[in-house]
Amino acid sequence: MIIALDGPAAAGKGTLAKRIAAHFGVPHLDTGALYRAVASRALRTGETPEAAAAAFRIGDMDAPDLRSGAVGAQASRVAAIPAVRAALLEFQQNFARRPGGAVLDGRDIGTVVCPWPETVKLFVTASPEARAKRRFNELLARGETPIYAAVFADLAERDRRDSQRADAPMKPAPDADVLDTSDLDPDEAFRMALGLISAKTRARG
C-alpha cells in the first residue's frame, strides 16, 4: 500500500502521515524534509542548491537547523528548482516502492512522485487563517517569538511559490480525496483520513 498526502504547509498532513504510517505499520517519509536538508546543506556549505541536491545523503536530514524558519523559507525556494526536484525524485520513488508500502507526504506525491493508480491519494488542506494559527503556535512552542502577520504572509508566499512553480506545482491529483482540516482536531482528521483510505481500498477490491 502506497499512501500519498499532499497539501500546503501547516495543514496537518505531517502529523497525519505519521499516524497513518504507524497505524498500518509502514515507513513514513516527510519529503519536505528532503528539501529542507538540501536548503540546510546549501546554506551551511555555500554549495548551489543543485550541487547540494546531487550530493544529498540521508544523514543530511539530521541537520540541527532542519526545522528552523530560515531553512523552511529557503526550502520552498530550493524546491522550485527543477534540477533539485529531479535529483531527489528517484530517492522518493524507491522509498515508496519498498516491500509492504509506505506513506509519503509533500506537495507533489500524488501528481509526480507516486502518480500510479494503486497509490491512495489525499490532499490535506485548511484555511489560511487556521494554518497560520497552527504555525504561529508551533513556533511559540519552539521558543521562538513569531509575529502572526509575518507568519501569515510567509505561508501565503510559500503557497504562491508552491502552486505556481513551473515544475511539479502543488495541486490535488485528479483521483485524490480532499480533506479539509480547518475545523478538525488531530484525532478527527485521523479518523476521517482512515475512512477515506478504507473507502478507496474497498472500491479497488
Protein backbone atom coordinates (compact mmCIF):
# COMPACT_ATOMS: atom_id res chain seq x y z
CA MET A 1 0.00 0.00 0.00
CA ILE A 2 1.35 3.40 -1.01
CA ILE A 3 -0.39 6.37 0.60
CA ALA A 4 0.32 9.92 -0.61
CA LEU A 5 -0.62 13.01 1.37
CA ASP A 6 -0.18 16.35 -0.37
CA GLY A 7 -1.11 19.85 0.66
CA PRO A 8 0.11 23.24 1.83
CA ALA A 9 2.26 23.94 4.86
CA ALA A 10 0.65 23.71 8.31
CA ALA A 11 -2.44 21.87 7.04
CA GLY A 12 -1.65 18.99 9.39
CA LYS A 13 -0.50 16.47 6.79
CA GLY A 14 2.81 15.70 8.51
CA THR A 15 1.23 14.72 11.81
CA LEU A 16 -1.47 12.84 9.96
CA ALA A 17 1.02 10.97 7.77
CA LYS A 18 3.00 9.78 10.80
CA ARG A 19 -0.15 8.46 12.50
CA ILE A 20 -1.31 6.70 9.34
CA ALA A 21 2.10 5.09 8.86
CA ALA A 22 2.11 3.87 12.47
CA HIS A 23 -1.44 2.57 12.10
CA PHE A 24 -0.57 0.46 9.06
CA GLY A 25 2.92 -0.44 10.26
CA VAL A 26 4.72 1.02 7.24
CA PRO A 27 7.56 3.59 7.00
CA HIS A 28 6.90 7.30 6.57
CA LEU A 29 8.81 9.87 4.54
CA ASP A 30 8.37 13.59 5.04
CA THR A 31 9.51 14.68 1.59
CA GLY A 32 9.53 18.32 2.66
CA ALA A 33 12.41 17.38 4.96
CA LEU A 34 14.42 16.39 1.87
CA TYR A 35 14.17 19.92 0.53
CA ARG A 36 14.90 21.33 3.97
CA ALA A 37 18.01 19.14 4.11
CA VAL A 38 19.16 20.41 0.72
CA ALA A 39 18.50 24.01 1.79
CA SER A 40 20.34 23.49 5.07
CA ARG A 41 23.31 21.92 3.31
CA ALA A 42 23.48 24.73 0.73
CA LEU A 43 23.32 27.41 3.43
CA ARG A 44 25.94 25.62 5.53
CA THR A 45 28.45 24.76 2.80
CA GLY A 46 27.92 27.52 0.26
CA GLU A 47 27.08 24.97 -2.43
CA THR A 48 24.46 25.77 -5.02
CA PRO A 49 21.10 24.09 -4.34
CA GLU A 50 21.67 21.91 -7.41
CA ALA A 51 25.05 20.72 -6.08
CA ALA A 52 23.64 20.17 -2.59
CA ALA A 53 20.82 18.04 -4.03
CA ALA A 54 23.22 16.00 -6.17
CA ALA A 55 25.34 15.32 -3.07
CA PHE A 56 22.35 14.59 -0.80
CA ARG A 57 22.78 11.83 1.76
CA ILE A 58 20.19 10.56 4.22
CA GLY A 59 22.33 11.91 7.07
CA ASP A 60 21.66 15.44 5.82
CA MET A 61 18.15 15.08 7.27
CA ASP A 62 19.66 15.11 10.78
CA ALA A 63 20.88 18.71 10.44
CA PRO A 64 20.14 20.58 13.71
CA ASP A 65 18.66 23.57 11.88
CA LEU A 66 16.33 21.47 9.72
CA ARG A 67 13.14 22.87 11.30
CA SER A 68 14.27 26.47 11.63
CA GLY A 69 12.31 29.25 9.98
CA ALA A 70 15.27 30.28 7.83
CA VAL A 71 15.73 26.80 6.41
CA GLY A 72 11.98 26.41 5.86
CA ALA A 73 11.81 29.63 3.86
CA GLN A 74 14.83 28.63 1.78
CA ALA A 75 13.48 25.10 1.25
CA SER A 76 10.43 26.48 -0.56
CA ARG A 77 12.74 28.35 -2.96
CA VAL A 78 15.00 25.34 -3.41
CA ALA A 79 12.01 23.11 -4.16
CA ALA A 80 11.10 25.28 -7.16
CA ILE A 81 14.36 24.38 -8.94
CA PRO A 82 13.73 21.58 -11.48
CA ALA A 83 17.26 20.12 -11.16
CA VAL A 84 16.81 19.79 -7.39
CA ARG A 85 13.48 18.01 -7.77
CA ALA A 86 14.92 15.68 -10.41
CA ALA A 87 17.87 14.79 -8.18
CA LEU A 88 15.56 13.77 -5.31
CA LEU A 89 12.85 12.01 -7.35
CA GLU A 90 14.48 8.58 -7.55
CA PHE A 91 15.12 8.51 -3.79
CA GLN A 92 11.44 9.23 -3.10
CA GLN A 93 10.15 6.67 -5.60
CA ASN A 94 12.45 3.96 -4.27
CA PHE A 95 11.21 4.70 -0.77
CA ALA A 96 7.60 4.38 -1.91
CA ARG A 97 8.21 1.12 -3.76
CA ARG A 98 9.73 -0.72 -0.81
CA PRO A 99 8.07 -4.04 0.12
CA GLY A 100 4.97 -3.53 2.25
CA GLY A 101 4.40 0.01 1.07
CA ALA A 102 4.94 3.42 2.62
CA VAL A 103 3.33 6.74 3.49
CA LEU A 104 4.78 9.89 1.91
CA ASP A 105 3.73 13.48 2.45
CA GLY A 106 4.68 16.57 0.49
CA ARG A 107 3.43 18.78 -2.31
CA ASP A 108 3.61 16.58 -5.42
CA ILE A 109 3.48 12.99 -4.19
CA GLY A 110 0.20 12.08 -5.85
CA THR A 111 0.90 14.03 -9.04
CA VAL A 112 4.63 13.40 -9.73
CA VAL A 113 6.38 11.14 -7.23
CA CYS A 114 3.72 8.40 -6.97
CA PRO A 115 1.15 9.13 -9.69
CA TRP A 116 0.44 5.42 -10.08
CA PRO A 117 -3.19 4.21 -9.99
CA GLU A 118 -2.50 1.96 -6.98
CA THR A 119 -1.49 4.95 -4.84
CA VAL A 120 -4.11 6.10 -2.32
CA LYS A 121 -4.05 9.90 -2.59
CA LEU A 122 -5.23 12.51 -0.11
CA PHE A 123 -4.93 16.27 -0.49
CA VAL A 124 -4.88 17.74 3.02
CA THR A 125 -5.69 21.42 3.27
CA ALA A 126 -7.05 24.06 5.67
CA SER A 127 -7.95 27.73 5.58
CA PRO A 128 -5.04 30.22 5.53
CA GLU A 129 -6.13 31.50 8.94
CA ALA A 130 -6.17 28.05 10.52
CA ARG A 131 -2.78 27.19 9.07
CA ALA A 132 -1.20 30.47 10.17
CA LYS A 133 -2.51 29.98 13.71
CA ARG A 134 -1.07 26.45 13.83
CA ARG A 135 2.33 27.54 12.53
CA PHE A 136 2.35 30.50 14.95
CA ASN A 137 1.71 28.14 17.89
CA GLU A 138 4.37 25.70 16.64
CA LEU A 139 6.96 28.47 16.59
CA LEU A 140 5.95 29.62 20.06
CA ALA A 141 6.33 26.07 21.35
CA ARG A 142 9.89 26.01 19.98
CA GLY A 143 10.77 29.08 22.00
CA GLU A 144 10.69 31.49 19.08
CA THR A 145 8.95 34.89 19.12
CA PRO A 146 6.86 34.94 15.94
CA ILE A 147 4.63 37.74 14.71
CA TYR A 148 1.30 36.41 13.47
CA ALA A 149 1.09 38.78 10.49
CA ALA A 150 4.57 37.73 9.37
CA VAL A 151 3.69 34.03 9.74
CA PHE A 152 0.51 34.54 7.70
CA ALA A 153 2.41 36.44 4.98
CA ASP A 154 5.16 33.78 4.85
CA LEU A 155 2.63 30.97 4.37
CA ALA A 156 0.85 32.95 1.65
CA GLU A 157 4.13 33.46 -0.19
CA ARG A 158 5.04 29.76 0.13
CA ASP A 159 1.60 28.81 -1.20
CA ARG A 160 2.14 31.10 -4.17
CA ARG A 161 5.57 29.62 -4.94
CA ASP A 162 4.44 26.03 -4.45
CA SER A 163 1.28 26.30 -6.54
CA GLN A 164 2.66 28.47 -9.35
CA ARG A 165 6.07 26.90 -9.96
CA ALA A 166 6.51 25.52 -13.46
CA ASP A 167 7.86 22.15 -12.28
CA ALA A 168 5.55 19.92 -10.18
CA PRO A 169 3.20 22.60 -8.84
CA MET A 170 1.21 21.83 -5.71
CA LYS A 171 -2.30 20.72 -6.65
CA PRO A 172 -4.62 17.79 -5.89
CA ALA A 173 -4.16 14.75 -8.11
CA PRO A 174 -7.26 14.10 -10.25
CA ASP A 175 -8.03 10.97 -8.20
CA ALA A 176 -7.21 12.45 -4.77
CA ASP A 177 -9.73 12.89 -1.97
CA VAL A 178 -9.60 16.38 -0.42
CA LEU A 179 -9.54 16.53 3.38
CA ASP A 180 -10.10 19.99 4.91
CA THR A 181 -8.78 20.05 8.48
CA SER A 182 -9.69 23.68 9.27
CA ASP A 183 -12.21 22.69 11.96
CA LEU A 184 -10.80 19.27 12.86
CA ASP A 185 -8.57 18.31 15.75
CA PRO A 186 -5.81 15.74 15.07
CA ASP A 187 -7.95 12.79 16.19
CA GLU A 188 -10.88 13.82 14.00
CA ALA A 189 -8.58 14.33 10.99
CA PHE A 190 -7.04 10.89 11.59
CA ARG A 191 -10.43 9.17 11.72
CA MET A 192 -11.61 10.90 8.56
CA ALA A 193 -8.38 10.03 6.73
CA LEU A 194 -8.69 6.37 7.70
CA GLY A 195 -12.26 6.40 6.44
CA LEU A 196 -11.20 7.81 3.08
CA ILE A 197 -8.35 5.30 2.78
CA SER A 198 -10.64 2.42 3.68
CA ALA A 199 -13.24 3.51 1.12
CA LYS A 200 -10.58 3.76 -1.59
CA THR A 201 -9.12 0.32 -0.87
CA ARG A 202 -12.58 -1.31 -0.69
CA ALA A 203 -13.56 0.22 -4.01
CA ARG A 204 -10.47 -1.28 -5.59
CA GLY A 205 -11.25 -4.71 -4.22
